[in-house]
Amino acid sequence: FLFGAFSGADAMYAPVVHRFRTYAIPVKPEAQHYVDAMMALPAFQEWTRDGLAETLRIERFETV
């Protein structure tokens, strides 16, 4: 993780990890290890599942 053990800094970068994955942005191998570690966290996986299961849609943001 960014500072050894998982910390608040990693929590703040979780949305960035999602963006790299969502937009298929290539990252260097060192960064890919971080992305993989974040995505392997059970809490990250739960957060992702919960987000994908969300049914609330705000139409004006869906068409941007």
Protein backbone atom coordinates (compact mmCIF):
# COMPACT_ATOMS: atom_id res chain seq x y z
CA PHE A 1 0.00 0.00 0.00
CA LEU A 2 1.10 3.62 -0.19
CA PHE A 3 2.64 3.76 3.29
CA GLY A 4 3.17 0.09 4.15
CA ALA A 5 -0.07 -1.08 5.75
CA PHE A 6 -3.47 -0.03 4.39
CA SER A 7 -4.22 3.50 5.57
CA GLY A 8 -6.52 6.44 5.00
CA ALA A 9 -4.36 7.47 2.05
CA ASP A 10 -5.24 4.22 0.31
CA ALA A 11 -8.93 4.78 1.05
CA MET A 12 -8.68 8.20 -0.59
CA TYR A 13 -7.12 6.64 -3.71
CA ALA A 14 -9.72 3.88 -4.03
CA PRO A 15 -11.82 5.93 -6.52
CA VAL A 16 -8.68 6.53 -8.59
CA VAL A 17 -8.07 2.78 -8.74
CA HIS A 18 -11.61 2.36 -10.05
CA ARG A 19 -11.03 5.01 -12.71
CA PHE A 20 -7.87 3.31 -13.94
CA ARG A 21 -9.82 0.07 -14.27
CA THR A 22 -13.01 1.59 -15.69
CA TYR A 23 -11.22 3.60 -18.36
CA ALA A 24 -8.63 0.85 -19.05
CA ILE A 25 -5.76 3.24 -18.38
CA PRO A 26 -2.46 1.42 -18.68
CA VAL A 27 -0.22 1.73 -15.64
CA LYS A 28 3.40 0.83 -15.03
CA PRO A 29 4.08 -2.54 -13.35
CA GLU A 30 4.83 -0.89 -10.00
CA ALA A 31 1.47 0.87 -10.07
CA GLN A 32 -0.30 -2.27 -11.30
CA HIS A 33 0.83 -4.08 -8.14
CA TYR A 34 -0.90 -1.37 -6.11
CA VAL A 35 -4.07 -1.53 -8.21
CA ASP A 36 -4.14 -5.32 -7.85
CA ALA A 37 -3.62 -5.12 -4.07
CA MET A 38 -6.45 -2.60 -3.71
CA MET A 39 -8.82 -4.60 -5.88
CA ALA A 40 -8.07 -7.75 -3.86
CA LEU A 41 -9.25 -6.16 -0.60
CA PRO A 42 -12.59 -7.60 0.55
CA ALA A 43 -13.79 -4.10 1.50
CA PHE A 44 -12.91 -2.77 -1.97
CA GLN A 45 -14.76 -5.67 -3.59
CA GLU A 46 -17.79 -5.08 -1.36
CA TRP A 47 -17.77 -1.36 -2.17
CA THR A 48 -17.60 -2.20 -5.88
CA ARG A 49 -20.49 -4.71 -5.66
CA ASP A 50 -22.61 -2.24 -3.69
CA GLY A 51 -21.96 0.49 -6.24
CA LEU A 52 -22.86 -1.75 -9.15
CA ALA A 53 -26.05 -2.82 -7.38
CA GLU A 54 -27.16 0.77 -6.79
CA THR A 55 -30.44 1.48 -8.57
CA LEU A 56 -30.74 5.21 -7.93
CA ARG A 57 -30.08 7.11 -11.13
CA ILE A 58 -29.91 10.85 -11.65
CA GLU A 59 -30.80 11.16 -15.31
CA ARG A 60 -28.92 14.39 -16.00
CA PHE A 61 -25.67 12.69 -14.92
CA GLU A 62 -26.32 9.49 -16.85
CA THR A 63 -26.26 11.23 -20.23
CA VAL A 64 -23.10 13.28 -19.75
